[in-house]
Amino acid sequence: MTLSLRPATAEDIPALHALIERGYRGESAKRGWTHEADLLGGQRTSTDELSGIITDPDQVILLAQSGGVLIGCVRVMRQGDGSAYLGMLTVDPVRQAGGMGRTLLEAAEAEARSRFGVGRMEMTVISTRSELIAWYERRGYRLTGRTAPFPADVQDFGDLPPQTLEFVVMDRAL
């Protein structure tokens, strides 16, 4: 498989939005192991949010393509404290468990170092996602002991489950 990585552009937004939704929400997401479909309904993101990320010089979304087909993405955002934030790590559900997540994670870390000159990567993971937390720990990330509230006031998430969701903060030196 020939893989190419590149920053997303405005022209990529429709395909990018479809990939992220398919990877995180709905029945299609359940074909993979990293989904949130059992926890959350509604949208994971919007085309407006993706447009804002793509036009922000302090952020980039890297796309992974194989044979011209979008199969994964990851967001990297400069933070003001010498770190970058990693988010929206998405692999098409039918291609998960094949090493693409690790490839995107490594590409995001390299991008954070080269584009933003940072020495630390930070991310948040829903606290109940123990398998996903363990996956990141195997790649050198650690739980910081900090948590962040889940944005329950955002309407696009659909009907939130009765339990209270929160994020754990993880980080890694680059």
C-alpha atoms as a PDB file:
ATOM      1  CA  MET A   1       0.000   0.000   0.000  1.00  0.00           C
ATOM      2  CA  THR A   2       1.408   3.364  -1.043  1.00  0.00           C
ATOM      3  CA  LEU A   3       0.572   5.945   1.594  1.00  0.00           C
ATOM      4  CA  SER A   4       0.792   9.693   1.193  1.00  0.00           C
ATOM      5  CA  LEU A   5       0.457  12.272   3.961  1.00  0.00           C
ATOM      6  CA  ARG A   6      -0.350  15.933   3.378  1.00  0.00           C
ATOM      7  CA  PRO A   7      -2.085  18.887   5.027  1.00  0.00           C
ATOM      8  CA  ALA A   8      -5.807  19.214   4.366  1.00  0.00           C
ATOM      9  CA  THR A   9      -7.139  22.031   2.197  1.00  0.00           C
ATOM     10  CA  ALA A  10     -10.615  23.519   1.855  1.00  0.00           C
ATOM     11  CA  GLU A  11     -11.292  21.196  -1.080  1.00  0.00           C
ATOM     12  CA  ASP A  12     -10.837  18.198   1.239  1.00  0.00           C
ATOM     13  CA  ILE A  13     -13.549  19.231   3.717  1.00  0.00           C
ATOM     14  CA  PRO A  14     -16.460  17.126   2.352  1.00  0.00           C
ATOM     15  CA  ALA A  15     -14.417  13.897   2.282  1.00  0.00           C
ATOM     16  CA  LEU A  16     -12.715  14.746   5.583  1.00  0.00           C
ATOM     17  CA  HIS A  17     -16.027  15.391   7.321  1.00  0.00           C
ATOM     18  CA  ALA A  18     -17.440  12.100   6.014  1.00  0.00           C
ATOM     19  CA  LEU A  19     -14.352  10.186   7.221  1.00  0.00           C
ATOM     20  CA  ILE A  20     -14.501  11.655  10.738  1.00  0.00           C
ATOM     21  CA  GLU A  21     -18.226  10.992  11.108  1.00  0.00           C
ATOM     22  CA  ARG A  22     -17.822   7.426   9.829  1.00  0.00           C
ATOM     23  CA  GLY A  23     -14.923   6.862  12.235  1.00  0.00           C
ATOM     24  CA  TYR A  24     -16.565   8.184  15.398  1.00  0.00           C
ATOM     25  CA  ARG A  25     -20.353   8.010  15.139  1.00  0.00           C
ATOM     26  CA  GLY A  26     -23.154   5.812  13.880  1.00  0.00           C
ATOM     27  CA  GLU A  27     -23.320   2.192  12.845  1.00  0.00           C
ATOM     28  CA  SER A  28     -20.415   2.457  10.381  1.00  0.00           C
ATOM     29  CA  ALA A  29     -18.097   3.453  13.237  1.00  0.00           C
ATOM     30  CA  LYS A  30     -18.832   0.188  15.035  1.00  0.00           C
ATOM     31  CA  ARG A  31     -16.850  -1.687  12.383  1.00  0.00           C
ATOM     32  CA  GLY A  32     -13.718  -0.352  14.100  1.00  0.00           C
ATOM     33  CA  TRP A  33     -12.622  -0.369  17.743  1.00  0.00           C
ATOM     34  CA  THR A  34     -11.975   3.336  18.387  1.00  0.00           C
ATOM     35  CA  HIS A  35     -15.507   4.685  17.924  1.00  0.00           C
ATOM     36  CA  GLU A  36     -17.673   6.692  20.309  1.00  0.00           C
ATOM     37  CA  ALA A  37     -20.936   5.436  18.790  1.00  0.00           C
ATOM     38  CA  ASP A  38     -21.990   3.617  21.962  1.00  0.00           C
ATOM     39  CA  LEU A  39     -21.444   6.762  24.037  1.00  0.00           C
ATOM     40  CA  LEU A  40     -22.575   9.638  21.830  1.00  0.00           C
ATOM     41  CA  GLY A  41     -24.962  10.425  19.025  1.00  0.00           C
ATOM     42  CA  GLY A  42     -25.058  13.398  16.730  1.00  0.00           C
ATOM     43  CA  GLN A  43     -22.111  14.851  14.862  1.00  0.00           C
ATOM     44  CA  ARG A  44     -18.460  14.528  15.852  1.00  0.00           C
ATOM     45  CA  THR A  45     -17.574  17.742  14.012  1.00  0.00           C
ATOM     46  CA  SER A  46     -18.965  20.106  11.405  1.00  0.00           C
ATOM     47  CA  THR A  47     -17.772  21.382   8.061  1.00  0.00           C
ATOM     48  CA  ASP A  48     -17.595  24.865   9.604  1.00  0.00           C
ATOM     49  CA  GLU A  49     -15.304  23.623  12.380  1.00  0.00           C
ATOM     50  CA  LEU A  50     -13.084  21.843   9.861  1.00  0.00           C
ATOM     51  CA  SER A  51     -12.901  24.977   7.721  1.00  0.00           C
ATOM     52  CA  GLY A  52     -11.851  27.007  10.754  1.00  0.00           C
ATOM     53  CA  ILE A  53      -9.103  24.519  11.620  1.00  0.00           C
ATOM     54  CA  ILE A  54      -7.760  24.417   8.068  1.00  0.00           C
ATOM     55  CA  THR A  55      -7.537  28.221   7.812  1.00  0.00           C
ATOM     56  CA  ASP A  56      -5.930  28.673  11.259  1.00  0.00           C
ATOM     57  CA  PRO A  57      -2.114  28.987  11.033  1.00  0.00           C
ATOM     58  CA  ASP A  58      -1.810  27.425  14.500  1.00  0.00           C
ATOM     59  CA  GLN A  59      -3.501  24.203  13.379  1.00  0.00           C
ATOM     60  CA  VAL A  60      -3.172  21.562  10.691  1.00  0.00           C
ATOM     61  CA  ILE A  61      -5.088  18.441   9.764  1.00  0.00           C
ATOM     62  CA  LEU A  62      -2.874  15.818   8.162  1.00  0.00           C
ATOM     63  CA  LEU A  63      -4.565  13.508   5.672  1.00  0.00           C
ATOM     64  CA  ALA A  64      -3.496   9.936   4.933  1.00  0.00           C
ATOM     65  CA  GLN A  65      -4.389   8.721   1.462  1.00  0.00           C
ATOM     66  CA  SER A  66      -3.866   5.422  -0.285  1.00  0.00           C
ATOM     67  CA  GLY A  67      -4.497   5.218  -4.006  1.00  0.00           C
ATOM     68  CA  GLY A  68      -6.123   8.639  -3.868  1.00  0.00           C
ATOM     69  CA  VAL A  69      -8.622   7.473  -1.219  1.00  0.00           C
ATOM     70  CA  LEU A  70      -8.766   9.265   2.137  1.00  0.00           C
ATOM     71  CA  ILE A  71      -8.223   6.637   4.844  1.00  0.00           C
ATOM     72  CA  GLY A  72      -7.161   8.650   7.898  1.00  0.00           C
ATOM     73  CA  CYS A  73      -6.502  12.031   9.445  1.00  0.00           C
ATOM     74  CA  VAL A  74      -5.144  13.723  12.547  1.00  0.00           C
ATOM     75  CA  ARG A  75      -5.323  17.289  13.874  1.00  0.00           C
ATOM     76  CA  VAL A  76      -2.356  19.101  15.434  1.00  0.00           C
ATOM     77  CA  MET A  77      -2.834  22.442  17.184  1.00  0.00           C
ATOM     78  CA  ARG A  78      -0.181  24.701  18.699  1.00  0.00           C
ATOM     79  CA  GLN A  79      -0.853  25.564  22.334  1.00  0.00           C
ATOM     80  CA  GLY A  80       0.692  28.562  24.061  1.00  0.00           C
ATOM     81  CA  ASP A  81       2.826  26.591  26.523  1.00  0.00           C
ATOM     82  CA  GLY A  82       5.382  24.971  24.220  1.00  0.00           C
ATOM     83  CA  SER A  83       3.116  22.028  23.498  1.00  0.00           C
ATOM     84  CA  ALA A  84       0.764  20.929  20.766  1.00  0.00           C
ATOM     85  CA  TYR A  85      -2.638  19.309  21.050  1.00  0.00           C
ATOM     86  CA  LEU A  86      -3.460  16.148  19.121  1.00  0.00           C
ATOM     87  CA  GLY A  87      -7.060  15.465  18.168  1.00  0.00           C
ATOM     88  CA  MET A  88      -9.400  13.912  15.619  1.00  0.00           C
ATOM     89  CA  LEU A  89      -7.098  10.937  15.065  1.00  0.00           C
ATOM     90  CA  THR A  90      -9.295   8.978  12.678  1.00  0.00           C
ATOM     91  CA  VAL A  91      -8.730   5.814  10.688  1.00  0.00           C
ATOM     92  CA  ASP A  92     -11.446   4.501   8.401  1.00  0.00           C
ATOM     93  CA  PRO A  93     -13.157   1.779  10.498  1.00  0.00           C
ATOM     94  CA  VAL A  94     -12.558  -0.935   7.896  1.00  0.00           C
ATOM     95  CA  ARG A  95      -8.805  -0.195   7.972  1.00  0.00           C
ATOM     96  CA  GLN A  96      -8.291  -0.126  11.742  1.00  0.00           C
ATOM     97  CA  ALA A  97      -5.901  -2.502  13.512  1.00  0.00           C
ATOM     98  CA  GLY A  98      -3.454  -2.322  10.597  1.00  0.00           C
ATOM     99  CA  GLY A  99      -0.938   0.201  11.941  1.00  0.00           C
ATOM    100  CA  MET A 100      -2.455   3.324  10.359  1.00  0.00           C
ATOM    101  CA  GLY A 101      -3.232   4.898  13.739  1.00  0.00           C
ATOM    102  CA  ARG A 102       0.399   4.541  14.793  1.00  0.00           C
ATOM    103  CA  THR A 103       1.555   6.020  11.464  1.00  0.00           C
ATOM    104  CA  LEU A 104      -0.741   9.029  11.888  1.00  0.00           C
ATOM    105  CA  LEU A 105       0.317   9.498  15.509  1.00  0.00           C
ATOM    106  CA  GLU A 106       3.999   9.524  14.539  1.00  0.00           C
ATOM    107  CA  ALA A 107       3.285  11.931  11.663  1.00  0.00           C
ATOM    108  CA  ALA A 108       1.416  14.258  14.029  1.00  0.00           C
ATOM    109  CA  GLU A 109       4.315  14.244  16.493  1.00  0.00           C
ATOM    110  CA  ALA A 110       6.811  15.014  13.713  1.00  0.00           C
ATOM    111  CA  GLU A 111       4.552  17.799  12.413  1.00  0.00           C
ATOM    112  CA  ALA A 112       4.253  19.310  15.904  1.00  0.00           C
ATOM    113  CA  ARG A 113       8.047  19.402  16.222  1.00  0.00           C
ATOM    114  CA  SER A 114       8.778  20.747  12.730  1.00  0.00           C
ATOM    115  CA  ARG A 115       5.847  23.122  12.167  1.00  0.00           C
ATOM    116  CA  PHE A 116       5.376  24.449  15.688  1.00  0.00           C
ATOM    117  CA  GLY A 117       8.755  23.748  17.315  1.00  0.00           C
ATOM    118  CA  VAL A 118       7.205  22.189  20.396  1.00  0.00           C
ATOM    119  CA  GLY A 119       8.601  19.519  22.697  1.00  0.00           C
ATOM    120  CA  ARG A 120       5.407  18.035  24.130  1.00  0.00           C
ATOM    121  CA  MET A 121       2.148  16.651  22.751  1.00  0.00           C
ATOM    122  CA  GLU A 122      -1.069  16.658  24.747  1.00  0.00           C
ATOM    123  CA  MET A 123      -4.454  15.090  24.092  1.00  0.00           C
ATOM    124  CA  THR A 124      -7.728  14.307  25.793  1.00  0.00           C
ATOM    125  CA  VAL A 125      -9.532  10.958  25.769  1.00  0.00           C
ATOM    126  CA  ILE A 126     -12.993  10.185  27.150  1.00  0.00           C
ATOM    127  CA  SER A 127     -12.248   8.711  30.581  1.00  0.00           C
ATOM    128  CA  THR A 128     -14.317   5.558  30.025  1.00  0.00           C
ATOM    129  CA  ARG A 129     -12.324   4.585  26.905  1.00  0.00           C
ATOM    130  CA  SER A 130      -9.855   2.327  28.745  1.00  0.00           C
ATOM    131  CA  GLU A 131      -8.748   0.396  25.609  1.00  0.00           C
ATOM    132  CA  LEU A 132      -7.939   3.626  23.796  1.00  0.00           C
ATOM    133  CA  ILE A 133      -6.105   5.059  26.818  1.00  0.00           C
ATOM    134  CA  ALA A 134      -4.058   1.845  26.997  1.00  0.00           C
ATOM    135  CA  TRP A 135      -3.240   2.129  23.257  1.00  0.00           C
ATOM    136  CA  TYR A 136      -1.844   5.635  23.780  1.00  0.00           C
ATOM    137  CA  GLU A 137       0.079   4.505  26.864  1.00  0.00           C
ATOM    138  CA  ARG A 138       1.773   1.799  24.782  1.00  0.00           C
ATOM    139  CA  ARG A 139       2.945   4.605  22.492  1.00  0.00           C
ATOM    140  CA  GLY A 140       4.554   6.595  25.290  1.00  0.00           C
ATOM    141  CA  TYR A 141       1.695   8.814  26.453  1.00  0.00           C
ATOM    142  CA  ARG A 142       0.929   9.091  30.137  1.00  0.00           C
ATOM    143  CA  LEU A 143      -2.047  10.135  32.178  1.00  0.00           C
ATOM    144  CA  THR A 144      -1.290  13.536  33.680  1.00  0.00           C
ATOM    145  CA  GLY A 145      -3.804  13.265  36.514  1.00  0.00           C
ATOM    146  CA  ARG A 146      -5.726  16.204  35.044  1.00  0.00           C
ATOM    147  CA  THR A 147      -9.242  15.978  33.662  1.00  0.00           C
ATOM    148  CA  ALA A 148     -11.287  18.254  31.441  1.00  0.00           C
ATOM    149  CA  PRO A 149     -15.063  18.550  31.297  1.00  0.00           C
ATOM    150  CA  PHE A 150     -16.952  17.124  28.362  1.00  0.00           C
ATOM    151  CA  PRO A 151     -18.678  19.915  26.402  1.00  0.00           C
ATOM    152  CA  ALA A 152     -22.213  18.794  27.249  1.00  0.00           C
ATOM    153  CA  ASP A 153     -23.635  22.183  26.277  1.00  0.00           C
ATOM    154  CA  VAL A 154     -22.759  21.624  22.613  1.00  0.00           C
ATOM    155  CA  GLN A 155     -25.964  20.754  20.772  1.00  0.00           C
ATOM    156  CA  ASP A 156     -24.305  18.896  17.883  1.00  0.00           C
ATOM    157  CA  PHE A 157     -23.517  15.918  20.104  1.00  0.00           C
ATOM    158  CA  GLY A 158     -27.141  14.811  20.013  1.00  0.00           C
ATOM    159  CA  ASP A 159     -28.645  13.148  23.052  1.00  0.00           C
ATOM    160  CA  LEU A 160     -25.966  12.718  25.664  1.00  0.00           C
ATOM    161  CA  PRO A 161     -26.119   9.571  27.765  1.00  0.00           C
ATOM    162  CA  PRO A 162     -27.235   9.823  31.383  1.00  0.00           C
ATOM    163  CA  GLN A 163     -23.744   9.297  32.791  1.00  0.00           C
ATOM    164  CA  THR A 164     -21.440  12.261  33.038  1.00  0.00           C
ATOM    165  CA  LEU A 165     -18.595  12.101  30.565  1.00  0.00           C
ATOM    166  CA  GLU A 166     -15.229  13.706  31.147  1.00  0.00           C
ATOM    167  CA  PHE A 167     -11.856  13.699  29.449  1.00  0.00           C
ATOM    168  CA  VAL A 168      -8.563  12.557  30.904  1.00  0.00           C
ATOM    169  CA  VAL A 169      -5.530  14.539  29.783  1.00  0.00           C
ATOM    170  CA  MET A 170      -2.561  12.588  28.431  1.00  0.00           C
ATOM    171  CA  ASP A 171       0.808  13.852  27.268  1.00  0.00           C
ATOM    172  CA  ARG A 172       4.191  12.820  25.976  1.00  0.00           C
ATOM    173  CA  ALA A 173       7.549  14.504  25.532  1.00  0.00           C
ATOM    174  CA  LEU A 174       8.489  14.667  21.863  1.00  0.00           C
END
